[in-house]
Protein backbone atom coordinates (compact mmCIF):
# COMPACT_ATOMS: atom_id res chain seq x y z
CA MET A 1 24.08 24.29 2.77
CA LEU A 2 22.50 27.05 4.84
CA LEU A 3 19.16 25.32 4.47
CA LEU A 4 20.54 22.27 6.23
CA ALA A 5 21.90 24.27 9.10
CA CYS A 6 18.60 26.08 9.57
CA CYS A 7 16.51 23.01 8.95
CA LEU A 8 15.80 22.24 12.58
CA ALA A 9 15.28 25.12 14.90
CA LEU A 10 14.95 23.01 17.95
CA PRO A 11 13.83 24.05 21.34
CA LEU A 12 10.70 22.52 22.71
CA SER A 13 8.80 19.50 23.43
CA GLY A 14 7.09 17.64 20.58
CA CYS A 15 8.59 14.29 21.55
CA THR A 16 10.42 12.33 24.20
CA GLU A 17 14.13 12.59 24.61
CA GLU A 18 14.43 8.86 23.89
CA LYS A 19 12.73 9.22 20.53
CA ALA A 20 14.83 12.26 19.68
CA ASN A 21 17.95 10.28 20.52
CA ALA A 22 16.77 7.39 18.35
CA LEU A 23 16.29 9.72 15.38
CA GLN A 24 19.73 11.15 15.99
CA VAL A 25 21.13 7.60 15.90
CA ALA A 26 19.39 7.04 12.54
CA ALA A 27 20.80 10.29 11.15
CA LYS A 28 24.32 9.46 12.29
CA GLN A 29 24.05 5.95 10.90
CA PHE A 30 23.09 7.47 7.55
CA ARG A 31 26.07 9.79 7.73
CA ASN A 32 28.51 7.02 8.64
CA GLU A 33 27.32 4.62 5.95
CA SER A 34 27.29 7.40 3.36
CA LEU A 35 30.80 8.57 4.17
CA SER A 36 32.05 4.98 3.97
CA ALA A 37 30.34 4.59 0.60
CA LEU A 38 31.72 7.84 -0.77
CA ASP A 39 35.22 7.02 0.47
CA LEU A 40 35.06 3.70 -1.40
CA TYR A 41 33.62 5.36 -4.48
CA GLU A 42 36.35 8.01 -4.43
CA SER A 43 39.15 5.46 -4.00
CA PHE A 44 37.77 3.27 -6.77
CA THR A 45 37.36 6.21 -9.15
CA ILE A 46 40.90 7.40 -8.44
CA SER A 47 42.19 3.88 -9.09
CA THR A 48 40.61 3.96 -12.54
CA ILE A 49 42.68 7.05 -13.27
CA ARG A 50 45.88 6.33 -11.42
CA GLY A 51 45.98 2.56 -11.11
CA THR A 52 47.56 0.63 -8.29
CA ARG A 53 50.83 2.20 -7.23
CA GLU A 54 53.84 0.05 -8.09
CA ASN A 55 56.66 -0.55 -5.64
CA GLN A 56 60.11 0.82 -6.41
CA ASP A 57 61.46 -2.38 -7.98
CA GLU A 58 58.44 -2.68 -10.29
CA THR A 59 58.79 0.95 -11.36
CA VAL A 60 62.51 0.58 -12.08
CA ALA A 61 61.97 -2.62 -14.06
CA PHE A 62 59.19 -1.03 -16.10
CA LEU A 63 61.21 2.10 -16.91
CA VAL A 64 64.34 0.11 -17.77
CA GLY A 65 62.27 -1.93 -20.20
CA LYS A 66 60.90 1.21 -21.81
CA LEU A 67 64.39 2.70 -22.15
CA LYS A 68 65.64 -0.46 -23.85
CA GLU A 69 62.71 -0.28 -26.26
CA HIS A 70 63.55 3.36 -26.95
CA GLY A 71 67.13 2.34 -27.74
CA LYS A 72 68.31 5.86 -28.45
CA LYS A 73 69.98 8.74 -26.66
CA VAL A 74 67.63 10.16 -24.04
CA ASP A 75 66.56 13.71 -24.84
CA LEU A 76 64.95 16.18 -22.44
CA PRO A 77 61.30 15.19 -23.14
CA ILE A 78 62.11 11.53 -22.45
CA PHE A 79 64.04 12.48 -19.33
CA ASN A 80 61.11 14.56 -18.06
CA ALA A 81 58.78 11.67 -18.80
CA LEU A 82 60.95 9.46 -16.57
CA LEU A 83 60.78 12.00 -13.76
CA ASN A 84 57.02 12.36 -14.08
CA TYR A 85 56.20 8.67 -14.40
CA GLY A 86 53.49 7.73 -11.91
CA HIS A 87 52.53 11.32 -11.23
CA GLU A 88 50.93 12.30 -14.53
CA SER A 89 47.46 11.55 -13.22
CA ASP A 90 47.75 13.63 -10.04
CA ALA A 91 46.46 16.74 -11.79
CA ALA A 92 43.31 14.86 -12.82
CA VAL A 93 42.84 13.39 -9.35
CA GLU A 94 42.89 16.61 -7.32
CA PRO A 95 39.64 18.09 -8.73
CA LEU A 96 37.99 14.71 -8.16
CA LYS A 97 39.05 14.74 -4.52
CA GLU A 98 37.65 18.24 -4.10
CA GLU A 99 34.34 17.16 -5.63
CA PHE A 100 34.00 14.21 -3.26
CA SER A 101 35.00 16.38 -0.31
CA GLU A 102 32.19 18.81 -1.06
CA LEU A 103 29.74 15.97 -1.50
CA LYS A 104 30.62 14.42 1.86
CA LYS A 105 29.89 17.73 3.59
CA TYR A 106 26.18 17.40 2.79
CA TYR A 107 25.93 14.05 4.57
CA THR A 108 27.96 15.26 7.54
CA LEU A 109 25.95 18.44 7.87
CA PHE A 110 22.66 16.57 7.62
CA ALA A 111 23.55 14.49 10.70
CA SER A 112 24.81 17.54 12.57
CA ILE A 113 21.40 19.21 12.50
CA PHE A 114 20.20 16.63 15.01
CA ASP A 115 23.00 17.36 17.49
CA SER A 116 20.83 19.64 19.60
CA VAL A 117 19.61 16.54 21.48
CA GLN A 118 22.98 16.55 23.19
CA ARG A 119 22.37 20.14 24.22
CA GLY A 120 19.20 19.14 26.04
CA HIS A 121 16.60 19.99 23.36
CA TYR A 122 14.03 17.69 21.80
CA PHE A 123 12.63 17.79 18.27
CA ASN A 124 9.16 19.09 17.64
CA LYS A 125 7.31 17.38 14.80
CA GLU A 126 7.21 20.46 12.59
CA ALA A 127 10.95 21.01 12.83
CA VAL A 128 11.73 17.38 12.06
CA ALA A 129 9.46 17.42 9.02
CA ARG A 130 11.52 20.19 7.46
CA ALA A 131 14.54 17.87 7.30
CA GLU A 132 12.92 15.12 5.26
CA HIS A 133 13.40 16.67 1.84
CA VAL A 134 17.14 16.74 2.55
CA SER A 135 17.36 13.09 3.55
CA ILE A 136 15.28 11.80 0.65
CA LYS A 137 17.34 13.67 -1.93
CA LEU A 138 20.62 12.50 -0.41
CA THR A 139 19.25 8.95 -0.42
CA LEU A 140 18.19 9.07 -4.07
CA GLN A 141 21.60 10.48 -4.94
CA LEU A 142 23.32 7.39 -3.53
CA ILE A 143 21.04 5.08 -5.52
CA GLN A 144 21.81 7.03 -8.67
CA TYR A 145 25.55 6.65 -8.05
CA ALA A 146 25.15 2.90 -7.70
CA GLU A 147 23.16 2.68 -10.94
CA THR A 148 25.72 4.80 -12.80
CA LEU A 149 28.61 2.70 -11.54
CA LYS A 150 26.90 -0.53 -12.57
CA GLU A 151 26.04 0.71 -16.07
CA HIS A 152 29.31 2.49 -16.83
CA SER A 153 31.91 0.19 -18.39
CA GLY A 154 34.57 2.90 -18.22
CA TYR A 155 35.36 2.16 -14.59
CA MET A 156 38.53 0.08 -14.86
CA PHE A 157 42.04 0.05 -13.47
CA THR A 158 43.46 1.71 -16.56
CA ALA A 159 47.09 1.94 -15.45
CA ASP A 160 47.06 -1.66 -14.25
CA ARG A 161 45.67 -2.75 -17.59
CA ALA A 162 48.37 -0.82 -19.43
CA ARG A 163 51.10 -2.55 -17.42
CA ALA A 164 49.46 -5.94 -17.98
CA LEU A 165 49.29 -5.29 -21.71
CA ASP A 166 52.97 -4.38 -21.79
CA ARG A 167 53.79 -7.55 -19.90
CA LEU A 168 51.64 -9.64 -22.25
CA ASN A 169 53.34 -8.24 -25.35
CA LYS A 170 56.76 -8.99 -23.90
CA ALA A 171 55.68 -12.54 -23.11
CA LEU A 172 54.43 -12.99 -26.67
CA GLU A 173 57.72 -11.68 -28.06
CA SER A 174 59.77 -14.01 -25.87
CA ASN A 175 57.55 -16.96 -26.83
CA ASN A 176 57.97 -18.28 -23.31
CA ASP A 177 55.01 -20.34 -22.11
CA ALA A 178 55.64 -19.62 -18.44
CA ASP A 179 55.82 -15.87 -19.04
CA LEU A 180 52.71 -15.98 -21.19
CA ARG A 181 50.79 -17.94 -18.58
CA SER A 182 51.85 -15.48 -15.88
CA ALA A 183 50.76 -12.53 -18.04
CA VAL A 184 47.34 -14.08 -18.68
CA GLU A 185 46.91 -14.79 -14.97
CA ASP A 186 47.74 -11.14 -14.31
CA ILE A 187 45.02 -10.05 -16.75
CA LEU A 188 42.43 -12.28 -15.09
CA SER A 189 43.49 -11.01 -11.68
CA ILE A 190 42.91 -7.42 -12.77
CA ARG A 191 39.45 -8.30 -14.06
CA ASN A 192 38.56 -10.01 -10.79
CA ARG A 193 39.88 -7.11 -8.72
CA GLU A 194 37.89 -4.65 -10.81
CA ASP A 195 34.69 -6.66 -10.43
CA THR A 196 35.17 -7.10 -6.68
CA ALA A 197 36.00 -3.44 -6.12
CA LYS A 198 32.97 -2.31 -8.12
CA ALA A 199 30.68 -4.72 -6.25
CA ALA A 200 32.00 -3.44 -2.91
CA VAL A 201 31.31 0.17 -3.85
CA ILE A 202 27.82 -0.57 -5.18
CA THR A 203 26.92 -2.60 -2.10
CA GLN A 204 28.08 0.11 0.30
CA LEU A 205 26.29 2.82 -1.69
CA LEU A 206 23.05 0.86 -1.40
CA LYS A 207 23.65 0.09 2.27
CA ALA A 208 23.96 3.83 2.78
CA ALA A 209 20.79 4.32 0.74
CA GLU A 210 19.01 1.88 3.05
CA ALA A 211 20.16 3.94 6.03
CA GLY A 212 18.85 7.00 4.22
CA ARG A 213 15.50 5.31 3.57
CA ILE A 214 15.22 4.48 7.27
CA VAL A 215 15.98 7.99 8.51
CA THR A 216 13.69 9.51 5.87
CA GLU A 217 10.78 7.31 6.87
CA SER A 218 11.57 7.96 10.53
CA ILE A 219 11.33 11.68 9.88
CA LYS A 220 8.19 11.34 7.79
CA ASP A 221 6.38 9.22 10.38
CA TYR A 222 8.07 10.75 13.40
CA GLY A 223 4.86 11.59 15.23
CA ASN A 224 3.62 7.99 15.02
CA LEU A 225 6.82 6.15 15.93
CA THR A 226 8.36 5.17 19.23
CA ALA A 227 12.07 5.19 19.97
CA ASN A 228 12.09 1.40 19.72
CA ASP A 229 10.38 1.54 16.33
CA ILE A 230 13.16 3.72 14.95
CA LEU A 231 15.98 1.67 16.46
CA ASN A 232 14.45 -1.63 15.31
CA ASN A 233 14.06 -0.27 11.79
CA ILE A 234 17.76 0.60 11.73
CA THR A 235 18.77 -2.87 12.87
CA ASP A 236 16.38 -4.73 10.56
CA GLY A 237 17.21 -2.64 7.50
CA LEU A 238 20.98 -2.86 7.79
CA ASN A 239 21.08 -6.50 8.85
CA VAL A 240 20.24 -7.39 5.25
CA PHE A 241 23.72 -6.23 4.29
CA ALA A 242 25.56 -7.77 7.23
CA GLY A 243 25.95 -11.25 5.77
CA LEU A 244 26.62 -10.35 2.16
CA ASN A 245 29.67 -11.89 0.51
CA ILE A 246 31.06 -9.19 -1.79
CA ALA A 247 32.63 -11.75 -4.13
CA GLY A 248 29.22 -13.28 -4.83
CA VAL A 249 26.84 -10.41 -4.17
CA ASP A 250 23.97 -9.96 -6.62
CA THR A 251 24.47 -6.30 -7.44
CA ASP A 252 21.86 -6.47 -10.21
CA GLY A 253 19.24 -7.59 -7.71
CA LEU A 254 20.25 -4.96 -5.16
CA ILE A 255 20.17 -2.18 -7.71
CA ALA A 256 16.79 -3.32 -9.02
CA LYS A 257 15.37 -3.24 -5.49
CA TYR A 258 16.53 0.30 -4.77
CA ALA A 259 15.76 1.53 -8.27
CA ASP A 260 12.17 0.45 -7.62
CA TYR A 261 12.24 2.35 -4.35
CA ALA A 262 13.61 5.46 -6.07
CA GLN A 263 10.93 5.22 -8.74
CA SER A 264 8.19 4.90 -6.13
CA VAL A 265 9.48 8.04 -4.44
CA ARG A 266 9.60 10.00 -7.68
CA SER A 267 6.06 8.97 -8.61
CA ASP A 268 4.60 9.69 -5.15
CA PRO A 269 2.74 13.04 -5.07
CA TYR A 270 3.89 13.47 -1.48
CA TRP A 271 7.52 13.75 -2.58
CA GLY A 272 6.97 15.75 -5.79
CA PRO A 273 7.41 19.26 -4.33
CA VAL A 274 10.17 18.02 -2.04
CA LEU A 275 12.32 16.65 -4.87
CA ASP A 276 12.19 20.00 -6.66
CA MET A 277 13.75 21.76 -3.70
CA PRO A 278 17.52 22.25 -3.94
CA ILE A 279 19.99 21.12 -1.29
CA ASN A 280 22.08 24.20 -0.79
């Protein structure tokens, strides 16, 4: 991350304070949208491991049912399993949290390198240009996350599904139509919640990628843009996402759009050397 911190050595004059402030706004918008996206992605990923936490009554009812199925004297392993119920996944979640925490630092640090405007310095064109390889790589990373999430069928509320399956089997055993109907409705509800949660994460990842595209292009064309150009690009680019209904959003279309953008970047000779540079 040292490269990020040293990316803009800023004293000088190469632009107006208004334009420098506009670029800072773009960088902070990218940070904010990215952190929101990564928070959603983290929560969704954790839910696929841990599931939705039950309330106390649901937990007691579930464990009582399991004890009745067991139907024998409780030995120490079973007793320990009761104590650990609901916490087995915590060990798997902690490394995931650490990974996301490290990832978020890159987006926060990228925005912070523009903070010198508040200390009374402007950005010269050469200094700004040195930041663009960071923003483009962070942008492509968000697009890749969205593509992975869309393609990967393993993202599901596993614990919720396990509870729904247990409930379904009990309903089948009881041969009670009302219980069976309720169990099936529960299954459909889980599917809908999974689809909606995934669509929300994908949409926010691509909204963040749009913010990244804007700040990257603002950096690249910094010498030719006005402050109003930069601010208008932010508004126009993000307004596309403002009216989206998550329940009906066309994630395939959104991903295709940004996948095309990512491909155009990777095939552009201008970006070739930049993409080979590490962010560290």
